[in-house]
Amino acid sequence: MLANIGFPGLILILIVALIIFGPNKLPEIGRAAGDTLREFKKSAKDLTGDVTDEVKEVKTIVKDNTK
């Protein structure tokens, strides 16, 4: 959904945010959004890493049992 916004849509969102929150609050909001996104990506990476580790472990067990 976000990939379909495009440049004009981003400018419109920025203008609306500027009107609603004012120029003083925008850096704080942007920083908070960036921190939230960074934390989400880190959590998703940790979760997929755990699953990947378990898949490797299962593959090792299956490989050892077929010998």
PDB file of N, CA and C in Angstrom:
ATOM      1  N   MET A   1       0.820  -1.181   0.000  1.00  0.00           N
ATOM      2  CA  MET A   1       0.000   0.000   0.000  1.00  0.00           C
ATOM      3  C   MET A   1       0.872   1.256   0.000  1.00  0.00           C
ATOM      4  N   LEU A   2       1.892   1.300   0.853  1.00  0.00           N
ATOM      5  CA  LEU A   2       2.749   2.473   0.916  1.00  0.00           C
ATOM      6  C   LEU A   2       3.585   2.639  -0.340  1.00  0.00           C
ATOM      7  N   ALA A   3       3.855   1.570  -1.050  1.00  0.00           N
ATOM      8  CA  ALA A   3       4.663   1.654  -2.260  1.00  0.00           C
ATOM      9  C   ALA A   3       3.925   2.383  -3.374  1.00  0.00           C
ATOM     10  N   ASN A   4       2.617   2.467  -3.301  1.00  0.00           N
ATOM     11  CA  ASN A   4       1.826   3.102  -4.353  1.00  0.00           C
ATOM     12  C   ASN A   4       1.564   4.585  -4.108  1.00  0.00           C
ATOM     13  N   ILE A   5       2.115   5.150  -3.041  1.00  0.00           N
ATOM     14  CA  ILE A   5       1.839   6.550  -2.722  1.00  0.00           C
ATOM     15  C   ILE A   5       2.500   7.479  -3.733  1.00  0.00           C
ATOM     16  N   GLY A   6       3.767   7.309  -3.978  1.00  0.00           N
ATOM     17  CA  GLY A   6       4.478   8.157  -4.927  1.00  0.00           C
ATOM     18  C   GLY A   6       4.893   9.486  -4.321  1.00  0.00           C
ATOM     19  N   PHE A   7       5.640  10.251  -5.091  1.00  0.00           N
ATOM     20  CA  PHE A   7       6.177  11.521  -4.619  1.00  0.00           C
ATOM     21  C   PHE A   7       5.102  12.566  -4.341  1.00  0.00           C
ATOM     22  N   PRO A   8       4.122  12.760  -5.227  1.00  0.00           N
ATOM     23  CA  PRO A   8       3.078  13.751  -4.922  1.00  0.00           C
ATOM     24  C   PRO A   8       2.292  13.407  -3.659  1.00  0.00           C
ATOM     25  N   GLY A   9       2.048  12.150  -3.432  1.00  0.00           N
ATOM     26  CA  GLY A   9       1.335  11.727  -2.229  1.00  0.00           C
ATOM     27  C   GLY A   9       2.142  12.011  -0.973  1.00  0.00           C
ATOM     28  N   LEU A  10       3.451  11.793  -1.045  1.00  0.00           N
ATOM     29  CA  LEU A  10       4.311  12.078   0.109  1.00  0.00           C
ATOM     30  C   LEU A  10       4.325  13.572   0.423  1.00  0.00           C
ATOM     31  N   ILE A  11       4.346  14.398  -0.615  1.00  0.00           N
ATOM     32  CA  ILE A  11       4.329  15.846  -0.401  1.00  0.00           C
ATOM     33  C   ILE A  11       3.004  16.249   0.253  1.00  0.00           C
ATOM     34  N   LEU A  12       1.905  15.687  -0.200  1.00  0.00           N
ATOM     35  CA  LEU A  12       0.597  15.992   0.383  1.00  0.00           C
ATOM     36  C   LEU A  12       0.549  15.580   1.851  1.00  0.00           C
ATOM     37  N   ILE A  13       1.064  14.400   2.166  1.00  0.00           N
ATOM     38  CA  ILE A  13       1.099  13.926   3.553  1.00  0.00           C
ATOM     39  C   ILE A  13       1.948  14.863   4.407  1.00  0.00           C
ATOM     40  N   LEU A  14       3.094  15.297   3.885  1.00  0.00           N
ATOM     41  CA  LEU A  14       3.960  16.211   4.618  1.00  0.00           C
ATOM     42  C   LEU A  14       3.265  17.547   4.883  1.00  0.00           C
ATOM     43  N   ILE A  15       2.553  18.077   3.891  1.00  0.00           N
ATOM     44  CA  ILE A  15       1.839  19.343   4.064  1.00  0.00           C
ATOM     45  C   ILE A  15       0.740  19.204   5.113  1.00  0.00           C
ATOM     46  N   VAL A  16      -0.014  18.118   5.055  1.00  0.00           N
ATOM     47  CA  VAL A  16      -1.079  17.892   6.043  1.00  0.00           C
ATOM     48  C   VAL A  16      -0.481  17.749   7.440  1.00  0.00           C
ATOM     49  N   ALA A  17       0.618  17.006   7.566  1.00  0.00           N
ATOM     50  CA  ALA A  17       1.263  16.851   8.871  1.00  0.00           C
ATOM     51  C   ALA A  17       1.776  18.189   9.380  1.00  0.00           C
ATOM     52  N   LEU A  18       2.306  19.004   8.481  1.00  0.00           N
ATOM     53  CA  LEU A  18       2.804  20.328   8.868  1.00  0.00           C
ATOM     54  C   LEU A  18       1.672  21.208   9.374  1.00  0.00           C
ATOM     55  N   ILE A  19       0.523  21.126   8.730  1.00  0.00           N
ATOM     56  CA  ILE A  19      -0.634  21.921   9.158  1.00  0.00           C
ATOM     57  C   ILE A  19      -1.164  21.424  10.506  1.00  0.00           C
ATOM     58  N   ILE A  20      -1.249  20.123  10.673  1.00  0.00           N
ATOM     59  CA  ILE A  20      -1.822  19.557  11.898  1.00  0.00           C
ATOM     60  C   ILE A  20      -0.893  19.740  13.101  1.00  0.00           C
ATOM     61  N   PHE A  21       0.378  19.395  12.938  1.00  0.00           N
ATOM     62  CA  PHE A  21       1.293  19.370  14.081  1.00  0.00           C
ATOM     63  C   PHE A  21       2.139  20.621  14.223  1.00  0.00           C
ATOM     64  N   GLY A  22       2.333  21.355  13.153  1.00  0.00           N
ATOM     65  CA  GLY A  22       3.179  22.543  13.217  1.00  0.00           C
ATOM     66  C   GLY A  22       4.636  22.198  12.992  1.00  0.00           C
ATOM     67  N   PRO A  23       5.433  23.193  12.650  1.00  0.00           N
ATOM     68  CA  PRO A  23       6.830  22.925  12.303  1.00  0.00           C
ATOM     69  C   PRO A  23       7.696  22.500  13.490  1.00  0.00           C
ATOM     70  N   ASN A  24       7.303  22.836  14.701  1.00  0.00           N
ATOM     71  CA  ASN A  24       8.126  22.486  15.857  1.00  0.00           C
ATOM     72  C   ASN A  24       8.003  21.019  16.250  1.00  0.00           C
ATOM     73  N   LYS A  25       6.862  20.410  16.002  1.00  0.00           N
ATOM     74  CA  LYS A  25       6.631  19.023  16.411  1.00  0.00           C
ATOM     75  C   LYS A  25       7.086  18.009  15.352  1.00  0.00           C
ATOM     76  N   LEU A  26       7.198  18.423  14.099  1.00  0.00           N
ATOM     77  CA  LEU A  26       7.527  17.466  13.035  1.00  0.00           C
ATOM     78  C   LEU A  26       8.837  16.720  13.262  1.00  0.00           C
ATOM     79  N   PRO A  27       9.936  17.362  13.674  1.00  0.00           N
ATOM     80  CA  PRO A  27      11.169  16.586  13.917  1.00  0.00           C
ATOM     81  C   PRO A  27      10.995  15.521  14.996  1.00  0.00           C
ATOM     82  N   GLU A  28      10.246  15.861  16.046  1.00  0.00           N
ATOM     83  CA  GLU A  28      10.002  14.884  17.111  1.00  0.00           C
ATOM     84  C   GLU A  28       9.201  13.698  16.588  1.00  0.00           C
ATOM     85  N   ILE A  29       8.180  13.990  15.803  1.00  0.00           N
ATOM     86  CA  ILE A  29       7.330  12.927  15.251  1.00  0.00           C
ATOM     87  C   ILE A  29       8.141  12.055  14.291  1.00  0.00           C
ATOM     88  N   GLY A  30       8.950  12.683  13.454  1.00  0.00           N
ATOM     89  CA  GLY A  30       9.793  11.926  12.520  1.00  0.00           C
ATOM     90  C   GLY A  30      10.787  11.041  13.243  1.00  0.00           C
ATOM     91  N   ARG A  31      11.386  11.572  14.296  1.00  0.00           N
ATOM     92  CA  ARG A  31      12.349  10.799  15.080  1.00  0.00           C
ATOM     93  C   ARG A  31      11.655   9.603  15.735  1.00  0.00           C
ATOM     94  N   ALA A  32      10.489   9.835  16.305  1.00  0.00           N
ATOM     95  CA  ALA A  32       9.742   8.751  16.955  1.00  0.00           C
ATOM     96  C   ALA A  32       9.335   7.687  15.934  1.00  0.00           C
ATOM     97  N   ALA A  33       8.914   8.118  14.756  1.00  0.00           N
ATOM     98  CA  ALA A  33       8.535   7.162  13.710  1.00  0.00           C
ATOM     99  C   ALA A  33       9.752   6.356  13.262  1.00  0.00           C
ATOM    100  N   GLY A  34      10.890   7.022  13.122  1.00  0.00           N
ATOM    101  CA  GLY A  34      12.118   6.319  12.732  1.00  0.00           C
ATOM    102  C   GLY A  34      12.551   5.311  13.776  1.00  0.00           C
ATOM    103  N   ASP A  35      12.484   5.702  15.049  1.00  0.00           N
ATOM    104  CA  ASP A  35      12.840   4.780  16.131  1.00  0.00           C
ATOM    105  C   ASP A  35      11.915   3.570  16.154  1.00  0.00           C
ATOM    106  N   THR A  36      10.618   3.829  15.954  1.00  0.00           N
ATOM    107  CA  THR A  36       9.641   2.740  15.941  1.00  0.00           C
ATOM    108  C   THR A  36       9.904   1.784  14.787  1.00  0.00           C
ATOM    109  N   LEU A  37      10.165   2.335  13.612  1.00  0.00           N
ATOM    110  CA  LEU A  37      10.452   1.497  12.444  1.00  0.00           C
ATOM    111  C   LEU A  37      11.728   0.691  12.644  1.00  0.00           C
ATOM    112  N   ARG A  38      12.752   1.312  13.203  1.00  0.00           N
ATOM    113  CA  ARG A  38      14.021   0.626  13.468  1.00  0.00           C
ATOM    114  C   ARG A  38      13.811  -0.533  14.439  1.00  0.00           C
ATOM    115  N   GLU A  39      13.039  -0.292  15.495  1.00  0.00           N
ATOM    116  CA  GLU A  39      12.769  -1.342  16.477  1.00  0.00           C
ATOM    117  C   GLU A  39      11.955  -2.482  15.861  1.00  0.00           C
ATOM    118  N   PHE A  40      10.993  -2.132  15.015  1.00  0.00           N
ATOM    119  CA  PHE A  40      10.191  -3.155  14.340  1.00  0.00           C
ATOM    120  C   PHE A  40      11.070  -4.020  13.441  1.00  0.00           C
ATOM    121  N   LYS A  41      11.950  -3.389  12.675  1.00  0.00           N
ATOM    122  CA  LYS A  41      12.844  -4.145  11.788  1.00  0.00           C
ATOM    123  C   LYS A  41      13.763  -5.061  12.588  1.00  0.00           C
ATOM    124  N   LYS A  42      14.272  -4.549  13.711  1.00  0.00           N
ATOM    125  CA  LYS A  42      15.155  -5.354  14.560  1.00  0.00           C
ATOM    126  C   LYS A  42      14.408  -6.567  15.108  1.00  0.00           C
ATOM    127  N   SER A  43      13.184  -6.347  15.567  1.00  0.00           N
ATOM    128  CA  SER A  43      12.386  -7.450  16.116  1.00  0.00           C
ATOM    129  C   SER A  43      12.062  -8.478  15.036  1.00  0.00           C
ATOM    130  N   ALA A  44      11.719  -8.002  13.844  1.00  0.00           N
ATOM    131  CA  ALA A  44      11.415  -8.927  12.748  1.00  0.00           C
ATOM    132  C   ALA A  44      12.654  -9.727  12.363  1.00  0.00           C
ATOM    133  N   LYS A  45      13.808  -9.075  12.357  1.00  0.00           N
ATOM    134  CA  LYS A  45      15.056  -9.771  12.020  1.00  0.00           C
ATOM    135  C   LYS A  45      15.393 -10.817  13.073  1.00  0.00           C
ATOM    136  N   ASP A  46      15.202 -10.471  14.347  1.00  0.00           N
ATOM    137  CA  ASP A  46      15.444 -11.434  15.424  1.00  0.00           C
ATOM    138  C   ASP A  46      14.509 -12.634  15.314  1.00  0.00           C
ATOM    139  N   LEU A  47      13.249 -12.374  15.013  1.00  0.00           N
ATOM    140  CA  LEU A  47      12.263 -13.449  14.896  1.00  0.00           C
ATOM    141  C   LEU A  47      12.598 -14.376  13.735  1.00  0.00           C
ATOM    142  N   THR A  48      12.909 -13.799  12.573  1.00  0.00           N
ATOM    143  CA  THR A  48      13.248 -14.637  11.419  1.00  0.00           C
ATOM    144  C   THR A  48      14.570 -15.357  11.649  1.00  0.00           C
ATOM    145  N   GLY A  49      15.471 -14.739  12.405  1.00  0.00           N
ATOM    146  CA  GLY A  49      16.738 -15.401  12.732  1.00  0.00           C
ATOM    147  C   GLY A  49      16.509 -16.629  13.589  1.00  0.00           C
ATOM    148  N   ASP A  50      15.586 -16.517  14.547  1.00  0.00           N
ATOM    149  CA  ASP A  50      15.261 -17.665  15.403  1.00  0.00           C
ATOM    150  C   ASP A  50      14.685 -18.809  14.572  1.00  0.00           C
ATOM    151  N   VAL A  51      13.795 -18.494  13.659  1.00  0.00           N
ATOM    152  CA  VAL A  51      13.179 -19.518  12.809  1.00  0.00           C
ATOM    153  C   VAL A  51      14.232 -20.136  11.904  1.00  0.00           C
ATOM    154  N   THR A  52      15.108 -19.318  11.340  1.00  0.00           N
ATOM    155  CA  THR A  52      16.169 -19.815  10.464  1.00  0.00           C
ATOM    156  C   THR A  52      17.090 -20.758  11.226  1.00  0.00           C
ATOM    157  N   ASP A  53      17.428 -20.399  12.459  1.00  0.00           N
ATOM    158  CA  ASP A  53      18.285 -21.269  13.275  1.00  0.00           C
ATOM    159  C   ASP A  53      17.617 -22.613  13.532  1.00  0.00           C
ATOM    160  N   GLU A  54      16.322 -22.597  13.805  1.00  0.00           N
ATOM    161  CA  GLU A  54      15.615 -23.851  14.062  1.00  0.00           C
ATOM    162  C   GLU A  54      15.526 -24.713  12.812  1.00  0.00           C
ATOM    163  N   VAL A  55      15.332 -24.087  11.649  1.00  0.00           N
ATOM    164  CA  VAL A  55      15.287 -24.839  10.398  1.00  0.00           C
ATOM    165  C   VAL A  55      16.635 -25.508  10.145  1.00  0.00           C
ATOM    166  N   LYS A  56      17.718 -24.778  10.383  1.00  0.00           N
ATOM    167  CA  LYS A  56      19.059 -25.366  10.209  1.00  0.00           C
ATOM    168  C   LYS A  56      19.264 -26.535  11.149  1.00  0.00           C
ATOM    169  N   GLU A  57      18.779 -26.388  12.386  1.00  0.00           N
ATOM    170  CA  GLU A  57      18.918 -27.464  13.360  1.00  0.00           C
ATOM    171  C   GLU A  57      18.141 -28.699  12.921  1.00  0.00           C
ATOM    172  N   VAL A  58      16.938 -28.513  12.424  1.00  0.00           N
ATOM    173  CA  VAL A  58      16.131 -29.643  11.957  1.00  0.00           C
ATOM    174  C   VAL A  58      16.801 -30.302  10.758  1.00  0.00           C
ATOM    175  N   LYS A  59      17.332 -29.515   9.845  1.00  0.00           N
ATOM    176  CA  LYS A  59      18.023 -30.079   8.676  1.00  0.00           C
ATOM    177  C   LYS A  59      19.216 -30.918   9.112  1.00  0.00           C
ATOM    178  N   THR A  60      19.949 -30.450  10.111  1.00  0.00           N
ATOM    179  CA  THR A  60      21.098 -31.200  10.618  1.00  0.00           C
ATOM    180  C   THR A  60      20.649 -32.518  11.216  1.00  0.00           C
ATOM    181  N   ILE A  61      19.574 -32.492  11.983  1.00  0.00           N
ATOM    182  CA  ILE A  61      19.064 -33.712  12.613  1.00  0.00           C
ATOM    183  C   ILE A  61      18.608 -34.704  11.537  1.00  0.00           C
ATOM    184  N   VAL A  62      17.872 -34.214  10.541  1.00  0.00           N
ATOM    185  CA  VAL A  62      17.394 -35.101   9.464  1.00  0.00           C
ATOM    186  C   VAL A  62      18.577 -35.662   8.692  1.00  0.00           C
ATOM    187  N   LYS A  63      19.561 -34.847   8.415  1.00  0.00           N
ATOM    188  CA  LYS A  63      20.748 -35.293   7.678  1.00  0.00           C
ATOM    189  C   LYS A  63      21.498 -36.367   8.461  1.00  0.00           C
ATOM    190  N   ASP A  64      21.636 -36.188   9.787  1.00  0.00           N
ATOM    191  CA  ASP A  64      22.315 -37.163  10.614  1.00  0.00           C
ATOM    192  C   ASP A  64      21.537 -38.477  10.705  1.00  0.00           C
ATOM    193  N   ASN A  65      20.216 -38.409  10.687  1.00  0.00           N
ATOM    194  CA  ASN A  65      19.400 -39.610  10.802  1.00  0.00           C
ATOM    195  C   ASN A  65      19.355 -40.398   9.500  1.00  0.00           C
ATOM    196  N   THR A  66      19.645 -39.770   8.377  1.00  0.00           N
ATOM    197  CA  THR A  66      19.612 -40.495   7.106  1.00  0.00           C
ATOM    198  C   THR A  66      20.927 -41.203   6.802  1.00  0.00           C
ATOM    199  N   LYS A  67      21.944 -40.974   7.591  1.00  0.00           N
ATOM    200  CA  LYS A  67      23.259 -41.636   7.362  1.00  0.00           C
ATOM    201  C   LYS A  67      23.280 -43.017   7.914  1.00  0.00           C
TER     202      LYS A  67
END
